[in-house]
Amino acid sequence: MATTPIQLPVLPEEFKGNHEYTLITVTGGCLGLLMKSFNRRIKNPKTSKKARTEAMELVRLVRIVRMTKRQKLDLLPAVLLAHDRGGLYFPQRVFMPYLRLLDQCITLSKKETSFDLYGKEIIKVTEEGVKSFLQLRELFEKAMTCVLEMNQCSFDDRIINTFYLVWQANIVHVQLVDFFRGHFTQLAEDNEEMAKGSFSLWHDLYSVSSKAKKLKIESA
């Protein structure tokens, strides 16, 4: 199976990915997943002192990247606030240029031709593609610099890089698995024979995604 990273072209201004509110919710949900994972690592008695210290720093970084309660009230529409009981995570709006471009890059993989070409490797291939796209890192670093300045704090570059890679990987996994789940569900409705093989492929894809995501979070 080919594993060459998907080549990411220069995207036109009018190229659209997810609706912004959906994007905020999905990427914020990934922040929440990371927070839970880092907290589990901190509480695990088997975690080494070094790993626990790193997890504590990552938790502190997530708290800075997400919106505060005041920012939620000022910046989010009522349709999103109606579902929030204080526990939802939303990224600071300064990260939106980075998240929009990441979403557009992921959208390039959301087509049958990509899955036909890469199969179960589609998540890995897409992740490698976005990881090598320097403009994404540049936009992330600009947003992170702004957030750190606003909060008058600093983090070790290694912690920031770990957070960048893990957050980005989780967004890729969540979006692609969700897309192909919907795609194969539609195939099931349209063609019963195709459905059997398609669902098998989706379960394989989900399994690969879950294992890869767990490994990345635990090794962050």
Protein backbone atom coordinates (compact mmCIF):
# COMPACT_ATOMS: atom_id res chain seq x y z
CA MET A 1 0.00 0.00 0.00
CA ALA A 2 1.34 3.40 -0.98
CA THR A 3 2.09 5.69 1.95
CA THR A 4 3.44 8.72 0.09
CA PRO A 5 2.00 11.86 1.75
CA ILE A 6 -0.85 13.53 -0.10
CA GLN A 7 0.48 16.53 -2.00
CA LEU A 8 -1.22 19.66 -0.69
CA PRO A 9 -1.76 22.26 -3.41
CA VAL A 10 -2.06 26.00 -2.95
CA LEU A 11 -5.70 26.38 -2.01
CA PRO A 12 -7.86 29.07 -3.66
CA GLU A 13 -9.50 31.69 -1.47
CA GLU A 14 -12.98 30.41 -2.24
CA PHE A 15 -12.18 26.82 -1.18
CA LYS A 16 -14.50 25.92 1.67
CA GLY A 17 -14.28 23.19 4.28
CA ASN A 18 -16.51 22.79 7.33
CA HIS A 19 -18.82 25.55 8.48
CA GLU A 20 -16.97 27.65 11.05
CA TYR A 21 -19.25 26.76 13.95
CA THR A 22 -18.85 23.06 13.18
CA LEU A 23 -15.10 23.55 12.94
CA ILE A 24 -14.97 25.29 16.32
CA THR A 25 -16.99 22.48 17.89
CA VAL A 26 -14.93 19.64 16.37
CA THR A 27 -11.53 21.15 17.12
CA GLY A 28 -12.69 22.18 20.58
CA GLY A 29 -13.93 18.66 21.20
CA CYS A 30 -10.44 17.41 20.36
CA LEU A 31 -9.05 19.80 22.97
CA GLY A 32 -11.41 18.25 25.50
CA LEU A 33 -10.23 14.75 24.59
CA LEU A 34 -6.62 15.80 25.02
CA MET A 35 -7.37 17.37 28.39
CA LYS A 36 -8.95 14.12 29.63
CA SER A 37 -6.01 12.08 28.37
CA PHE A 38 -3.41 14.36 29.97
CA ASN A 39 -5.31 14.34 33.26
CA ARG A 40 -5.48 10.53 33.22
CA ARG A 41 -1.74 10.41 32.75
CA ILE A 42 -1.22 12.75 35.69
CA LYS A 43 -3.42 10.62 37.96
CA ASN A 44 -1.92 7.30 36.86
CA PRO A 45 0.43 6.09 39.65
CA LYS A 46 2.54 4.29 37.03
CA THR A 47 3.35 7.52 35.20
CA SER A 48 6.96 8.60 35.56
CA LYS A 49 7.80 11.93 37.19
CA LYS A 50 9.03 13.32 33.86
CA ALA A 51 5.90 12.24 31.99
CA ARG A 52 3.66 13.62 34.76
CA THR A 53 5.44 16.99 34.60
CA GLU A 54 5.01 17.09 30.82
CA ALA A 55 1.32 16.22 31.13
CA MET A 56 0.82 19.00 33.67
CA GLU A 57 2.41 21.49 31.28
CA LEU A 58 0.19 20.25 28.44
CA VAL A 59 -2.90 20.67 30.61
CA ARG A 60 -1.83 24.23 31.38
CA LEU A 61 -1.35 24.87 27.67
CA VAL A 62 -4.79 23.51 26.75
CA ARG A 63 -6.35 25.87 29.30
CA ILE A 64 -4.67 28.79 27.58
CA VAL A 65 -5.61 27.68 24.06
CA ARG A 66 -9.31 27.24 24.87
CA MET A 67 -11.78 30.09 25.24
CA THR A 68 -12.55 31.43 28.71
CA LYS A 69 -16.13 31.58 29.97
CA ARG A 70 -16.19 35.31 29.26
CA GLN A 71 -14.94 34.82 25.72
CA LYS A 72 -17.60 32.19 25.08
CA LEU A 73 -20.34 34.63 26.03
CA ASP A 74 -18.86 37.44 23.96
CA LEU A 75 -17.84 35.53 20.82
CA LEU A 76 -19.99 32.44 20.38
CA PRO A 77 -23.47 32.36 18.82
CA ALA A 78 -26.47 31.35 20.90
CA VAL A 79 -26.81 28.08 18.95
CA LEU A 80 -23.49 26.88 20.40
CA LEU A 81 -23.95 28.34 23.88
CA ALA A 82 -27.31 26.56 24.16
CA HIS A 83 -25.47 23.23 24.25
CA ASP A 84 -22.78 24.33 26.68
CA ARG A 85 -23.13 23.69 30.40
CA GLY A 86 -19.64 24.91 31.13
CA GLY A 87 -17.84 21.77 29.99
CA LEU A 88 -17.46 22.35 26.26
CA TYR A 89 -14.09 23.39 24.89
CA PHE A 90 -13.69 25.92 22.09
CA PRO A 91 -10.34 27.14 20.72
CA GLN A 92 -9.39 30.80 20.91
CA ARG A 93 -10.53 32.63 17.76
CA VAL A 94 -6.93 33.57 16.98
CA PHE A 95 -6.40 29.92 15.93
CA MET A 96 -9.10 30.07 13.26
CA PRO A 97 -6.77 30.84 10.29
CA TYR A 98 -4.75 27.75 11.19
CA LEU A 99 -7.81 25.59 11.80
CA ARG A 100 -9.53 26.70 8.58
CA LEU A 101 -6.49 25.79 6.49
CA LEU A 102 -6.12 22.47 8.31
CA ASP A 103 -9.79 21.74 7.66
CA GLN A 104 -9.36 22.53 3.97
CA CYS A 105 -6.36 20.19 3.75
CA ILE A 106 -8.28 17.38 5.44
CA THR A 107 -11.21 17.97 3.08
CA LEU A 108 -8.93 17.06 0.17
CA SER A 109 -8.87 13.50 1.55
CA LYS A 110 -12.64 13.29 1.92
CA LYS A 111 -13.35 11.65 -1.42
CA GLU A 112 -13.66 8.14 -2.77
CA THR A 113 -10.58 8.45 -4.96
CA SER A 114 -8.42 9.10 -1.90
CA PHE A 115 -9.79 6.07 -0.11
CA ASP A 116 -9.46 3.92 -3.24
CA LEU A 117 -5.81 4.96 -3.53
CA TYR A 118 -4.73 4.70 0.12
CA GLY A 119 -7.32 2.46 1.79
CA LYS A 120 -6.76 2.02 5.53
CA GLU A 121 -3.64 4.17 5.27
CA ILE A 122 -5.70 7.29 4.47
CA ILE A 123 -5.42 8.69 8.03
CA LYS A 124 -1.66 8.14 8.22
CA VAL A 125 -1.13 9.58 4.72
CA THR A 126 -3.26 12.65 5.45
CA GLU A 127 -1.52 13.22 8.77
CA GLU A 128 1.90 13.08 7.10
CA GLY A 129 0.65 15.46 4.42
CA VAL A 130 -0.53 18.14 6.85
CA LYS A 131 2.56 17.65 9.02
CA SER A 132 4.78 18.54 6.06
CA PHE A 133 2.70 21.60 5.08
CA LEU A 134 4.81 24.42 6.51
CA GLN A 135 2.12 27.08 6.17
CA LEU A 136 0.04 25.23 8.75
CA ARG A 137 2.83 25.34 11.32
CA GLU A 138 3.47 29.02 10.58
CA LEU A 139 -0.18 29.90 11.19
CA PHE A 140 -0.25 27.82 14.38
CA GLU A 141 2.93 29.45 15.71
CA LYS A 142 1.58 32.95 15.03
CA ALA A 143 -1.62 32.14 16.92
CA MET A 144 0.28 30.52 19.79
CA THR A 145 2.63 33.49 20.09
CA CYS A 146 -0.38 35.79 20.32
CA VAL A 147 -2.06 33.66 23.01
CA LEU A 148 1.12 33.42 25.08
CA GLU A 149 1.63 37.17 24.90
CA MET A 150 -1.96 37.82 25.95
CA ASN A 151 -1.52 35.53 28.95
CA GLN A 152 2.01 36.76 29.68
CA CYS A 153 3.40 33.25 29.94
CA SER A 154 5.81 30.92 28.15
CA PHE A 155 6.28 27.22 27.49
CA ASP A 156 9.17 25.05 26.45
CA ASP A 157 9.26 24.66 22.65
CA ARG A 158 9.08 20.89 23.05
CA ILE A 159 5.77 21.14 24.92
CA ILE A 160 4.31 23.44 22.26
CA ASN A 161 5.47 21.13 19.47
CA THR A 162 3.96 18.10 21.21
CA PHE A 163 0.66 19.89 21.65
CA TYR A 164 0.67 21.00 18.00
CA LEU A 165 1.26 17.50 16.65
CA VAL A 166 -1.19 15.74 18.97
CA TRP A 167 -4.02 18.25 18.51
CA GLN A 168 -3.56 18.23 14.75
CA ALA A 169 -3.45 14.42 14.58
CA ASN A 170 -6.65 14.14 16.62
CA ILE A 171 -8.47 16.59 14.35
CA VAL A 172 -7.40 14.57 11.29
CA HIS A 173 -8.54 11.30 12.89
CA VAL A 174 -11.91 12.61 14.06
CA GLN A 175 -12.79 14.28 10.77
CA LEU A 176 -11.81 11.41 8.49
CA VAL A 177 -13.40 8.66 10.58
CA ASP A 178 -16.61 10.68 10.83
CA PHE A 179 -16.64 11.32 7.08
CA PHE A 180 -16.05 7.73 6.02
CA ARG A 181 -18.55 6.44 8.56
CA GLY A 182 -21.20 8.62 6.92
CA HIS A 183 -19.97 7.66 3.46
CA PHE A 184 -20.16 3.93 4.10
CA THR A 185 -23.53 4.27 5.80
CA GLN A 186 -24.82 5.82 2.59
CA LEU A 187 -23.29 2.99 0.59
CA ALA A 188 -25.16 0.55 2.81
CA GLU A 189 -28.43 2.23 1.96
CA ASP A 190 -27.66 2.35 -1.76
CA ASN A 191 -26.04 -1.03 -2.31
CA GLU A 192 -26.27 -3.93 0.11
CA GLU A 193 -23.44 -5.89 -1.54
CA MET A 194 -21.04 -2.94 -1.36
CA ALA A 195 -22.07 -2.29 2.22
CA LYS A 196 -20.57 -5.48 3.61
CA GLY A 197 -17.08 -4.73 2.33
CA SER A 198 -17.36 -1.03 3.00
CA PHE A 199 -18.30 -1.45 6.64
CA SER A 200 -15.43 -3.87 7.05
CA LEU A 201 -13.08 -1.26 5.65
CA TRP A 202 -14.54 1.42 7.90
CA HIS A 203 -14.13 -0.71 11.01
CA ASP A 204 -10.51 -1.32 10.00
CA LEU A 205 -10.07 2.41 9.46
CA TYR A 206 -11.60 3.25 12.83
CA SER A 207 -9.41 0.66 14.53
CA VAL A 208 -6.27 2.09 12.95
CA SER A 209 -7.36 5.60 13.93
CA SER A 210 -8.13 4.68 17.53
CA LYS A 211 -4.87 2.84 18.04
CA ALA A 212 -2.82 5.58 16.41
CA LYS A 213 -4.57 8.29 18.41
CA LYS A 214 -4.01 6.43 21.68
CA LEU A 215 -0.35 5.90 20.89
CA LYS A 216 0.18 9.55 20.05
CA ILE A 217 -1.55 10.84 23.14
CA GLU A 218 0.20 8.42 25.46
CA SER A 219 3.63 9.14 23.95
CA ALA A 220 3.18 12.94 23.88
